[in-house]
Amino acid sequence: MWTTRLLDATGREPLGIRVAWEAIEGALQTELPADYAELCEAFGGGVFSGPVYLLCVDEGKVFDLVAQWRSFLSDAQDYGAAGGEGDPVFAPYRIYEPGQEVIPWGSTEWGAGFYWLADASAGHAWPIVARMAGSMNWHRYDMGVPEFVTRILTDPEFQPFSIAGRIPGVSFTSVSELSEQSRAHPRPQQGPDR
């Protein structure tokens, strides 16, 4: 239902992406929510309306759920906050290790982070926890990813994350479209000698 609403809002047809869920869920050692799988198969990873990023599958790793989770987990291990230890970045939570805590699935260009509060025993009913950049205040939502993204984009009352009314319309740019755009319009090289 919510994925269909997002497709309607963006004016897109579902892409029908074939996702290797067995490999993804094997890496995470848990089954992901069905509504998220439906969203990823319809859209793939990419950007909604400019600032809202959705992680799914991306060979380039930027929008890849497992690559981003592994990066967060590596950072937690580097800071000594893995294996049951507290994680100052995600307090009172910690980055997901099989069976518990937060898995990143999205973010915004202004640094808000969106996560599942994962529990291996409840793969289809995970709440979302989210926070603004620089804040230690978490917001909990008992809804799926497609509904959360739809509300960010279309519901002006969905604070503090709503961008409704601040964007000209709801759109989506897939990972492949982003790659094509960057090839067509490469950025000039920046460096100390320029």
N, C-alpha and C. Protein backbone atom coordinates (compact mmCIF):
# COMPACT_ATOMS: atom_id res chain seq x y z
N MET A 1 0.82 -1.19 0.00
CA MET A 1 0.00 0.00 0.00
C MET A 1 0.88 1.27 0.00
N TRP A 2 1.84 1.37 0.94
CA TRP A 2 2.66 2.58 1.03
C TRP A 2 3.64 2.67 -0.13
N THR A 3 4.14 1.55 -0.61
CA THR A 3 5.03 1.58 -1.78
C THR A 3 4.24 2.06 -2.99
N THR A 4 3.00 1.62 -3.13
CA THR A 4 2.15 2.08 -4.22
C THR A 4 1.91 3.58 -4.13
N ARG A 5 1.70 4.09 -2.92
CA ARG A 5 1.52 5.54 -2.74
C ARG A 5 2.77 6.30 -3.17
N LEU A 6 3.95 5.77 -2.84
CA LEU A 6 5.20 6.43 -3.26
C LEU A 6 5.36 6.38 -4.77
N LEU A 7 5.02 5.26 -5.38
CA LEU A 7 5.08 5.17 -6.85
C LEU A 7 4.14 6.20 -7.47
N ASP A 8 2.94 6.30 -6.94
CA ASP A 8 1.98 7.29 -7.46
C ASP A 8 2.49 8.71 -7.26
N ALA A 9 3.04 8.99 -6.08
CA ALA A 9 3.53 10.34 -5.79
C ALA A 9 4.70 10.74 -6.69
N THR A 10 5.54 9.78 -7.04
CA THR A 10 6.71 10.07 -7.89
C THR A 10 6.40 9.93 -9.37
N GLY A 11 5.25 9.36 -9.69
CA GLY A 11 4.90 9.15 -11.10
C GLY A 11 5.74 8.07 -11.77
N ARG A 12 6.25 7.15 -10.99
CA ARG A 12 7.11 6.09 -11.52
C ARG A 12 6.37 4.77 -11.56
N GLU A 13 6.86 3.91 -12.43
CA GLU A 13 6.41 2.52 -12.46
C GLU A 13 7.41 1.71 -11.65
N PRO A 14 6.97 0.60 -11.02
CA PRO A 14 7.92 -0.22 -10.27
C PRO A 14 9.00 -0.79 -11.20
N LEU A 15 10.24 -0.75 -10.74
CA LEU A 15 11.35 -1.23 -11.57
C LEU A 15 11.42 -2.76 -11.62
N GLY A 16 10.87 -3.43 -10.63
CA GLY A 16 10.92 -4.88 -10.60
C GLY A 16 12.34 -5.41 -10.45
N ILE A 17 13.12 -4.76 -9.62
CA ILE A 17 14.52 -5.13 -9.41
C ILE A 17 14.59 -6.50 -8.74
N ARG A 18 15.46 -7.32 -9.26
CA ARG A 18 15.69 -8.64 -8.66
C ARG A 18 16.79 -8.46 -7.61
N VAL A 19 16.41 -8.63 -6.37
CA VAL A 19 17.33 -8.42 -5.26
C VAL A 19 17.71 -9.77 -4.67
N ALA A 20 18.98 -9.96 -4.40
CA ALA A 20 19.48 -11.20 -3.81
C ALA A 20 19.26 -11.15 -2.29
N TRP A 21 17.99 -11.29 -1.90
CA TRP A 21 17.65 -11.16 -0.48
C TRP A 21 18.36 -12.22 0.36
N GLU A 22 18.54 -13.40 -0.17
CA GLU A 22 19.20 -14.46 0.59
C GLU A 22 20.61 -14.03 1.01
N ALA A 23 21.35 -13.41 0.10
CA ALA A 23 22.72 -12.96 0.42
C ALA A 23 22.70 -11.80 1.42
N ILE A 24 21.78 -10.86 1.21
CA ILE A 24 21.68 -9.70 2.11
C ILE A 24 21.29 -10.15 3.51
N GLU A 25 20.24 -10.95 3.59
CA GLU A 25 19.77 -11.41 4.89
C GLU A 25 20.77 -12.37 5.52
N GLY A 26 21.52 -13.09 4.70
CA GLY A 26 22.58 -13.95 5.22
C GLY A 26 23.69 -13.14 5.87
N ALA A 27 24.06 -12.03 5.24
CA ALA A 27 25.10 -11.15 5.81
C ALA A 27 24.64 -10.55 7.13
N LEU A 28 23.38 -10.16 7.20
CA LEU A 28 22.83 -9.56 8.42
C LEU A 28 22.39 -10.61 9.44
N GLN A 29 22.24 -11.83 8.98
CA GLN A 29 21.76 -12.94 9.79
C GLN A 29 20.36 -12.69 10.35
N THR A 30 19.53 -12.05 9.52
CA THR A 30 18.14 -11.83 9.90
C THR A 30 17.33 -11.54 8.65
N GLU A 31 16.05 -11.82 8.72
CA GLU A 31 15.14 -11.51 7.64
C GLU A 31 14.71 -10.06 7.74
N LEU A 32 14.71 -9.35 6.62
CA LEU A 32 14.31 -7.94 6.61
C LEU A 32 12.80 -7.82 6.42
N PRO A 33 12.21 -6.72 6.85
CA PRO A 33 10.76 -6.54 6.71
C PRO A 33 10.29 -6.61 5.26
N ALA A 34 9.16 -7.26 5.04
CA ALA A 34 8.62 -7.47 3.70
C ALA A 34 8.29 -6.15 2.99
N ASP A 35 7.81 -5.15 3.72
CA ASP A 35 7.47 -3.89 3.06
C ASP A 35 8.72 -3.16 2.56
N TYR A 36 9.84 -3.34 3.24
CA TYR A 36 11.11 -2.78 2.78
C TYR A 36 11.57 -3.49 1.51
N ALA A 37 11.43 -4.81 1.48
CA ALA A 37 11.79 -5.59 0.29
C ALA A 37 10.96 -5.12 -0.90
N GLU A 38 9.67 -4.91 -0.69
CA GLU A 38 8.80 -4.43 -1.75
C GLU A 38 9.26 -3.05 -2.26
N LEU A 39 9.64 -2.17 -1.34
CA LEU A 39 10.11 -0.82 -1.70
C LEU A 39 11.40 -0.92 -2.53
N CYS A 40 12.34 -1.73 -2.09
CA CYS A 40 13.61 -1.88 -2.82
C CYS A 40 13.41 -2.48 -4.20
N GLU A 41 12.52 -3.43 -4.32
CA GLU A 41 12.26 -4.05 -5.63
C GLU A 41 11.56 -3.06 -6.56
N ALA A 42 10.79 -2.14 -6.01
CA ALA A 42 10.09 -1.15 -6.83
C ALA A 42 10.99 0.01 -7.22
N PHE A 43 11.85 0.48 -6.31
CA PHE A 43 12.66 1.67 -6.55
C PHE A 43 14.15 1.41 -6.66
N GLY A 44 14.67 0.48 -5.87
CA GLY A 44 16.12 0.33 -5.72
C GLY A 44 16.64 1.43 -4.82
N GLY A 45 17.93 1.43 -4.59
CA GLY A 45 18.53 2.50 -3.79
C GLY A 45 18.53 3.80 -4.57
N GLY A 46 18.56 4.91 -3.85
CA GLY A 46 18.60 6.20 -4.52
C GLY A 46 18.13 7.32 -3.63
N VAL A 47 17.65 8.39 -4.27
CA VAL A 47 17.34 9.63 -3.56
C VAL A 47 15.90 10.07 -3.86
N PHE A 48 15.15 10.30 -2.79
CA PHE A 48 13.80 10.85 -2.92
C PHE A 48 13.86 12.36 -2.79
N SER A 49 13.35 13.05 -3.77
CA SER A 49 13.16 14.51 -3.74
C SER A 49 14.42 15.29 -3.39
N GLY A 50 15.57 14.75 -3.68
CA GLY A 50 16.83 15.45 -3.43
C GLY A 50 17.50 15.07 -2.13
N PRO A 51 16.85 15.31 -0.97
CA PRO A 51 17.60 15.11 0.27
C PRO A 51 17.39 13.79 1.02
N VAL A 52 16.48 12.91 0.60
CA VAL A 52 16.17 11.71 1.38
C VAL A 52 16.76 10.49 0.68
N TYR A 53 17.72 9.84 1.34
CA TYR A 53 18.46 8.72 0.77
C TYR A 53 17.91 7.39 1.26
N LEU A 54 17.73 6.45 0.32
CA LEU A 54 17.25 5.11 0.64
C LEU A 54 18.35 4.11 0.30
N LEU A 55 18.74 3.30 1.29
CA LEU A 55 19.71 2.23 1.08
C LEU A 55 18.97 0.97 0.67
N CYS A 56 19.47 0.30 -0.37
CA CYS A 56 18.95 -1.00 -0.78
C CYS A 56 20.14 -1.82 -1.25
N VAL A 57 20.30 -1.90 -2.57
CA VAL A 57 21.41 -2.64 -3.17
C VAL A 57 22.10 -1.71 -4.16
N ASP A 58 23.42 -1.62 -4.04
CA ASP A 58 24.18 -0.72 -4.92
C ASP A 58 25.59 -1.26 -5.07
N GLU A 59 25.95 -1.65 -6.29
CA GLU A 59 27.31 -2.14 -6.53
C GLU A 59 28.35 -1.08 -6.22
N GLY A 60 27.97 0.20 -6.30
CA GLY A 60 28.89 1.28 -5.99
C GLY A 60 29.05 1.51 -4.49
N LYS A 61 28.27 0.81 -3.68
CA LYS A 61 28.34 0.79 -2.22
C LYS A 61 27.74 2.00 -1.50
N VAL A 62 27.56 3.13 -2.18
CA VAL A 62 27.06 4.33 -1.51
C VAL A 62 25.63 4.12 -0.98
N PHE A 63 24.79 3.46 -1.76
CA PHE A 63 23.39 3.24 -1.38
C PHE A 63 23.13 1.78 -1.04
N ASP A 64 24.17 1.05 -0.65
CA ASP A 64 24.06 -0.38 -0.37
C ASP A 64 23.85 -0.61 1.13
N LEU A 65 22.75 -1.24 1.48
CA LEU A 65 22.39 -1.47 2.88
C LEU A 65 23.49 -2.22 3.62
N VAL A 66 23.95 -3.35 3.08
CA VAL A 66 24.94 -4.17 3.78
C VAL A 66 26.28 -3.45 3.88
N ALA A 67 26.71 -2.78 2.81
CA ALA A 67 27.99 -2.05 2.85
C ALA A 67 27.96 -0.95 3.90
N GLN A 68 26.85 -0.22 3.97
CA GLN A 68 26.75 0.86 4.95
C GLN A 68 26.69 0.30 6.37
N TRP A 69 25.96 -0.81 6.58
CA TRP A 69 25.91 -1.44 7.89
C TRP A 69 27.31 -1.90 8.30
N ARG A 70 28.03 -2.54 7.39
CA ARG A 70 29.38 -3.01 7.71
C ARG A 70 30.29 -1.84 8.06
N SER A 71 30.14 -0.72 7.38
CA SER A 71 30.93 0.46 7.69
C SER A 71 30.64 0.97 9.10
N PHE A 72 29.35 1.05 9.45
CA PHE A 72 28.97 1.47 10.80
C PHE A 72 29.51 0.49 11.84
N LEU A 73 29.41 -0.82 11.56
CA LEU A 73 29.88 -1.83 12.49
C LEU A 73 31.39 -1.74 12.66
N SER A 74 32.11 -1.53 11.58
CA SER A 74 33.56 -1.38 11.65
C SER A 74 33.93 -0.17 12.51
N ASP A 75 33.23 0.94 12.31
CA ASP A 75 33.48 2.13 13.13
C ASP A 75 33.23 1.84 14.60
N ALA A 76 32.15 1.12 14.89
CA ALA A 76 31.84 0.78 16.28
C ALA A 76 32.94 -0.08 16.88
N GLN A 77 33.44 -1.04 16.10
CA GLN A 77 34.52 -1.90 16.58
C GLN A 77 35.79 -1.08 16.80
N ASP A 78 36.07 -0.14 15.90
CA ASP A 78 37.25 0.72 16.06
C ASP A 78 37.18 1.54 17.34
N TYR A 79 35.95 1.92 17.73
CA TYR A 79 35.77 2.71 18.95
C TYR A 79 35.55 1.84 20.18
N GLY A 80 35.69 0.53 19.99
CA GLY A 80 35.52 -0.37 21.13
C GLY A 80 34.09 -0.52 21.58
N ALA A 81 33.15 -0.28 20.69
CA ALA A 81 31.73 -0.32 21.06
C ALA A 81 31.01 -1.44 20.33
N ALA A 82 31.61 -2.60 20.30
CA ALA A 82 30.97 -3.76 19.67
C ALA A 82 30.99 -4.92 20.66
N GLY A 83 30.28 -5.98 20.32
CA GLY A 83 30.28 -7.15 21.18
C GLY A 83 29.60 -6.92 22.51
N GLY A 84 28.55 -6.13 22.52
CA GLY A 84 27.78 -5.91 23.73
C GLY A 84 28.15 -4.65 24.49
N GLU A 85 29.19 -3.98 24.07
CA GLU A 85 29.59 -2.74 24.74
C GLU A 85 28.68 -1.59 24.32
N GLY A 86 28.64 -0.54 25.12
CA GLY A 86 27.86 0.64 24.77
C GLY A 86 28.46 1.35 23.57
N ASP A 87 27.64 2.03 22.82
CA ASP A 87 28.08 2.74 21.62
C ASP A 87 27.72 4.21 21.79
N PRO A 88 28.69 5.08 22.05
CA PRO A 88 28.37 6.48 22.30
C PRO A 88 27.72 7.18 21.11
N VAL A 89 27.94 6.70 19.91
CA VAL A 89 27.34 7.32 18.73
C VAL A 89 25.84 7.06 18.68
N PHE A 90 25.41 5.89 19.09
CA PHE A 90 24.01 5.49 18.98
C PHE A 90 23.31 5.35 20.33
N ALA A 91 23.93 5.78 21.41
CA ALA A 91 23.35 5.62 22.75
C ALA A 91 21.91 6.13 22.78
N PRO A 92 21.00 5.44 23.39
CA PRO A 92 21.17 4.25 24.21
C PRO A 92 21.23 2.95 23.41
N TYR A 93 21.21 3.04 22.09
CA TYR A 93 21.28 1.86 21.23
C TYR A 93 22.72 1.58 20.85
N ARG A 94 22.89 0.58 20.00
CA ARG A 94 24.20 0.33 19.41
C ARG A 94 23.98 -0.20 18.01
N ILE A 95 25.01 -0.12 17.18
CA ILE A 95 24.88 -0.60 15.80
C ILE A 95 24.61 -2.11 15.83
N TYR A 96 23.83 -2.54 14.91
CA TYR A 96 23.36 -3.92 14.85
C TYR A 96 24.49 -4.93 14.74
N GLU A 97 24.41 -5.92 15.59
CA GLU A 97 25.14 -7.16 15.43
C GLU A 97 24.05 -8.21 15.43
N PRO A 98 24.23 -9.31 14.74
CA PRO A 98 23.12 -10.26 14.59
C PRO A 98 22.33 -10.48 15.87
N GLY A 99 21.05 -10.14 15.75
CA GLY A 99 20.11 -10.36 16.83
C GLY A 99 19.63 -9.14 17.58
N GLN A 100 20.28 -7.98 17.40
CA GLN A 100 19.86 -6.85 18.22
C GLN A 100 20.34 -5.50 17.69
N GLU A 101 19.57 -4.50 17.99
CA GLU A 101 19.87 -3.08 17.86
C GLU A 101 19.67 -2.48 16.47
N VAL A 102 20.40 -1.40 16.10
CA VAL A 102 20.03 -0.59 14.95
C VAL A 102 20.74 -0.97 13.65
N ILE A 103 19.95 -1.00 12.58
CA ILE A 103 20.44 -1.23 11.22
C ILE A 103 20.10 0.02 10.42
N PRO A 104 21.09 0.67 9.80
CA PRO A 104 20.80 1.87 9.00
C PRO A 104 20.10 1.48 7.70
N TRP A 105 19.05 2.23 7.33
CA TRP A 105 18.39 2.00 6.04
C TRP A 105 18.23 3.29 5.24
N GLY A 106 18.51 4.44 5.85
CA GLY A 106 18.35 5.69 5.13
C GLY A 106 18.91 6.86 5.90
N SER A 107 18.95 8.01 5.21
CA SER A 107 19.46 9.23 5.82
C SER A 107 19.01 10.41 4.97
N THR A 108 19.47 11.60 5.36
CA THR A 108 19.19 12.79 4.56
C THR A 108 20.49 13.53 4.30
N GLU A 109 20.45 14.44 3.35
CA GLU A 109 21.65 15.22 3.05
C GLU A 109 22.01 16.14 4.20
N TRP A 110 21.09 16.45 5.10
CA TRP A 110 21.41 17.30 6.25
C TRP A 110 21.79 16.47 7.48
N GLY A 111 21.97 15.15 7.31
CA GLY A 111 22.54 14.31 8.35
C GLY A 111 21.59 13.59 9.27
N ALA A 112 20.29 13.67 9.04
CA ALA A 112 19.36 12.85 9.83
C ALA A 112 19.63 11.39 9.49
N GLY A 113 19.48 10.52 10.46
CA GLY A 113 19.70 9.09 10.23
C GLY A 113 18.45 8.30 10.55
N PHE A 114 18.18 7.28 9.73
CA PHE A 114 17.00 6.44 9.88
C PHE A 114 17.45 5.00 10.02
N TYR A 115 16.92 4.30 11.03
CA TYR A 115 17.37 2.96 11.39
C TYR A 115 16.18 2.10 11.78
N TRP A 116 16.35 0.79 11.65
CA TRP A 116 15.42 -0.13 12.29
C TRP A 116 15.95 -0.42 13.67
N LEU A 117 15.09 -0.55 14.62
CA LEU A 117 15.45 -1.09 15.92
C LEU A 117 15.19 -2.59 15.80
N ALA A 118 16.22 -3.28 15.35
CA ALA A 118 16.09 -4.68 14.92
C ALA A 118 16.13 -5.65 16.08
N ASP A 119 15.37 -6.69 15.91
CA ASP A 119 15.33 -7.81 16.83
C ASP A 119 15.13 -9.03 15.94
N ALA A 120 16.06 -9.95 15.98
CA ALA A 120 16.02 -11.10 15.07
C ALA A 120 14.72 -11.89 15.18
N SER A 121 14.04 -11.80 16.31
CA SER A 121 12.81 -12.56 16.48
C SER A 121 11.58 -11.84 15.92
N ALA A 122 11.75 -10.59 15.49
CA ALA A 122 10.58 -9.81 15.05
C ALA A 122 10.84 -9.12 13.72
N GLY A 123 11.34 -9.85 12.74
CA GLY A 123 11.77 -9.27 11.47
C GLY A 123 10.74 -8.48 10.70
N HIS A 124 9.47 -8.71 10.94
CA HIS A 124 8.47 -7.99 10.15
C HIS A 124 7.78 -6.89 10.94
N ALA A 125 8.20 -6.64 12.14
CA ALA A 125 7.53 -5.62 12.95
C ALA A 125 8.54 -4.70 13.63
N TRP A 126 9.65 -4.43 12.97
CA TRP A 126 10.66 -3.59 13.58
C TRP A 126 10.23 -2.13 13.57
N PRO A 127 10.33 -1.47 14.71
CA PRO A 127 10.08 -0.03 14.70
C PRO A 127 11.26 0.71 14.06
N ILE A 128 11.00 1.93 13.68
CA ILE A 128 12.04 2.81 13.14
C ILE A 128 12.45 3.76 14.25
N VAL A 129 13.75 3.97 14.39
CA VAL A 129 14.26 5.02 15.26
C VAL A 129 15.03 5.99 14.37
N ALA A 130 14.89 7.27 14.64
CA ALA A 130 15.49 8.29 13.79
C ALA A 130 15.91 9.47 14.65
N ARG A 131 16.90 10.18 14.15
CA ARG A 131 17.31 11.40 14.84
C ARG A 131 17.95 12.36 13.86
N MET A 132 17.90 13.62 14.25
CA MET A 132 18.50 14.68 13.46
C MET A 132 20.01 14.71 13.72
N ALA A 133 20.77 15.21 12.77
CA ALA A 133 22.22 15.32 12.92
C ALA A 133 22.55 16.15 14.15
N GLY A 134 23.53 15.69 14.90
CA GLY A 134 23.98 16.43 16.07
C GLY A 134 23.10 16.29 17.30
N SER A 135 22.02 15.55 17.18
CA SER A 135 21.09 15.39 18.30
C SER A 135 21.26 14.03 18.94
N MET A 136 21.07 13.97 20.23
CA MET A 136 21.05 12.69 20.93
C MET A 136 19.61 12.25 21.19
N ASN A 137 18.64 13.04 20.71
CA ASN A 137 17.22 12.73 20.90
C ASN A 137 16.73 11.81 19.78
N TRP A 138 16.31 10.63 20.16
CA TRP A 138 15.77 9.66 19.21
C TRP A 138 14.26 9.80 19.15
N HIS A 139 13.71 9.55 17.96
CA HIS A 139 12.27 9.51 17.74
C HIS A 139 11.94 8.09 17.29
N ARG A 140 10.95 7.49 17.90
CA ARG A 140 10.56 6.12 17.57
C ARG A 140 9.23 6.13 16.82
N TYR A 141 9.16 5.33 15.76
CA TYR A 141 7.97 5.24 14.93
C TYR A 141 7.62 3.77 14.72
N ASP A 142 6.40 3.40 15.04
CA ASP A 142 5.94 2.03 14.83
C ASP A 142 5.26 1.96 13.46
N MET A 143 6.10 1.96 12.43
CA MET A 143 5.63 1.90 11.05
C MET A 143 6.76 1.35 10.20
N GLY A 144 6.44 0.98 8.97
CA GLY A 144 7.44 0.47 8.05
C GLY A 144 8.15 1.58 7.29
N VAL A 145 9.21 1.20 6.59
CA VAL A 145 10.00 2.16 5.83
C VAL A 145 9.17 2.87 4.76
N PRO A 146 8.37 2.17 3.96
CA PRO A 146 7.60 2.89 2.93
C PRO A 146 6.67 3.96 3.52
N GLU A 147 6.01 3.67 4.62
CA GLU A 147 5.15 4.68 5.24
C GLU A 147 5.98 5.84 5.77
N PHE A 148 7.10 5.55 6.42
CA PHE A 148 7.97 6.59 6.97
C PHE A 148 8.44 7.54 5.86
N VAL A 149 8.94 6.97 4.76
CA VAL A 149 9.42 7.80 3.64
C VAL A 149 8.28 8.62 3.05
N THR A 150 7.12 8.00 2.87
CA THR A 150 5.96 8.72 2.34
C THR A 150 5.60 9.90 3.23
N ARG A 151 5.61 9.71 4.52
CA ARG A 151 5.27 10.78 5.45
C ARG A 151 6.31 11.90 5.44
N ILE A 152 7.59 11.55 5.34
CA ILE A 152 8.63 12.58 5.24
C ILE A 152 8.36 13.48 4.04
N LEU A 153 7.99 12.87 2.92
CA LEU A 153 7.83 13.59 1.67
C LEU A 153 6.50 14.31 1.52
N THR A 154 5.45 13.83 2.20
CA THR A 154 4.11 14.36 1.91
C THR A 154 3.34 14.92 3.10
N ASP A 155 3.77 14.65 4.31
CA ASP A 155 2.99 15.03 5.49
C ASP A 155 3.69 16.16 6.25
N PRO A 156 3.21 17.39 6.13
CA PRO A 156 3.86 18.52 6.81
C PRO A 156 3.82 18.40 8.34
N GLU A 157 2.94 17.58 8.88
CA GLU A 157 2.83 17.39 10.33
C GLU A 157 3.83 16.36 10.86
N PHE A 158 4.55 15.68 9.98
CA PHE A 158 5.47 14.61 10.37
C PHE A 158 6.82 15.20 10.76
N GLN A 159 6.81 15.87 11.90
CA GLN A 159 8.01 16.58 12.36
C GLN A 159 8.80 15.73 13.35
N PRO A 160 10.09 15.87 13.38
CA PRO A 160 10.90 16.93 12.78
C PRO A 160 11.47 16.60 11.40
N PHE A 161 11.00 15.52 10.76
CA PHE A 161 11.65 15.04 9.54
C PHE A 161 10.97 15.45 8.24
N SER A 162 9.76 15.96 8.29
CA SER A 162 9.02 16.28 7.08
C SER A 162 9.73 17.33 6.22
N ILE A 163 9.70 17.09 4.91
CA ILE A 163 10.16 18.11 3.95
C ILE A 163 9.00 18.55 3.06
N ALA A 164 7.79 18.08 3.38
CA ALA A 164 6.61 18.46 2.60
C ALA A 164 6.45 19.98 2.66
N GLY A 165 6.17 20.57 1.54
CA GLY A 165 6.02 22.01 1.47
C GLY A 165 7.33 22.74 1.23
N ARG A 166 8.44 22.06 1.44
CA ARG A 166 9.76 22.68 1.20
C ARG A 166 10.38 22.17 -0.10
N ILE A 167 9.67 21.27 -0.76
CA ILE A 167 10.15 20.72 -2.03
C ILE A 167 9.07 20.97 -3.09
N PRO A 168 9.48 21.13 -4.34
CA PRO A 168 8.48 21.42 -5.37
C PRO A 168 7.57 20.24 -5.69
N GLY A 169 7.99 19.04 -5.39
CA GLY A 169 7.20 17.85 -5.67
C GLY A 169 7.97 16.63 -5.24
N VAL A 170 7.30 15.51 -5.23
CA VAL A 170 7.94 14.26 -4.83
C VAL A 170 8.58 13.63 -6.06
N SER A 171 9.85 13.27 -5.93
CA SER A 171 10.56 12.64 -7.05
C SER A 171 11.48 11.55 -6.51
N PHE A 172 12.04 10.79 -7.42
CA PHE A 172 13.01 9.76 -7.05
C PHE A 172 14.06 9.67 -8.14
N THR A 173 15.31 9.58 -7.74
CA THR A 173 16.42 9.38 -8.66
C THR A 173 17.14 8.11 -8.22
N SER A 174 17.17 7.12 -9.11
CA SER A 174 17.77 5.83 -8.77
C SER A 174 19.29 5.91 -8.80
N VAL A 175 19.93 4.90 -8.25
CA VAL A 175 21.39 4.81 -8.25
C VAL A 175 21.91 4.87 -9.69
N SER A 176 21.28 4.14 -10.60
CA SER A 176 21.77 4.14 -11.99
C SER A 176 21.60 5.52 -12.63
N GLU A 177 20.50 6.21 -12.33
CA GLU A 177 20.30 7.57 -12.85
C GLU A 177 21.33 8.53 -12.27
N LEU A 178 21.65 8.37 -10.99
CA LEU A 178 22.67 9.21 -10.37
C LEU A 178 24.03 8.97 -11.04
N SER A 179 24.34 7.71 -11.34
CA SER A 179 25.60 7.38 -12.01
C SER A 179 25.67 8.00 -13.39
N GLU A 180 24.56 7.92 -14.12
CA GLU A 180 24.51 8.53 -15.47
C GLU A 180 24.71 10.03 -15.38
N GLN A 181 24.07 10.67 -14.40
CA GLN A 181 24.20 12.12 -14.23
C GLN A 181 25.64 12.50 -13.92
N SER A 182 26.31 11.72 -13.08
CA SER A 182 27.69 12.08 -12.72
C SER A 182 28.63 11.86 -13.90
N ARG A 183 28.35 10.89 -14.75
CA ARG A 183 29.17 10.69 -15.96
C ARG A 183 28.93 11.81 -16.96
N ALA A 184 27.67 12.25 -17.06
CA ALA A 184 27.34 13.31 -18.01
C ALA A 184 27.84 14.68 -17.56
N HIS A 185 27.91 14.88 -16.25
CA HIS A 185 28.34 16.17 -15.68
C HIS A 185 29.39 15.94 -14.60
N PRO A 186 30.59 15.54 -14.99
CA PRO A 186 31.62 15.29 -13.97
C PRO A 186 31.98 16.57 -13.24
N ARG A 187 32.28 16.40 -11.97
CA ARG A 187 32.68 17.55 -11.16
C ARG A 187 34.16 17.84 -11.41
N PRO A 188 34.54 19.13 -11.41
CA PRO A 188 35.96 19.45 -11.58
C PRO A 188 36.77 18.90 -10.40
N GLN A 189 37.98 18.49 -10.71
CA GLN A 189 38.87 18.00 -9.66
C GLN A 189 39.22 19.13 -8.70
N GLN A 190 39.18 18.83 -7.43
CA GLN A 190 39.53 19.79 -6.40
C GLN A 190 40.81 19.29 -5.73
N GLY A 191 41.63 20.16 -5.33
CA GLY A 191 42.84 19.73 -4.63
C GLY A 191 43.67 20.92 -4.23
N PRO A 192 44.76 20.67 -3.52
CA PRO A 192 45.58 21.77 -3.02
C PRO A 192 46.24 22.57 -4.10
N ASP A 193 46.42 21.96 -5.29
CA ASP A 193 47.11 22.68 -6.36
C ASP A 193 46.14 23.46 -7.25
N ARG A 194 44.88 23.50 -6.93
CA ARG A 194 43.92 24.23 -7.75
C ARG A 194 43.45 25.47 -7.08
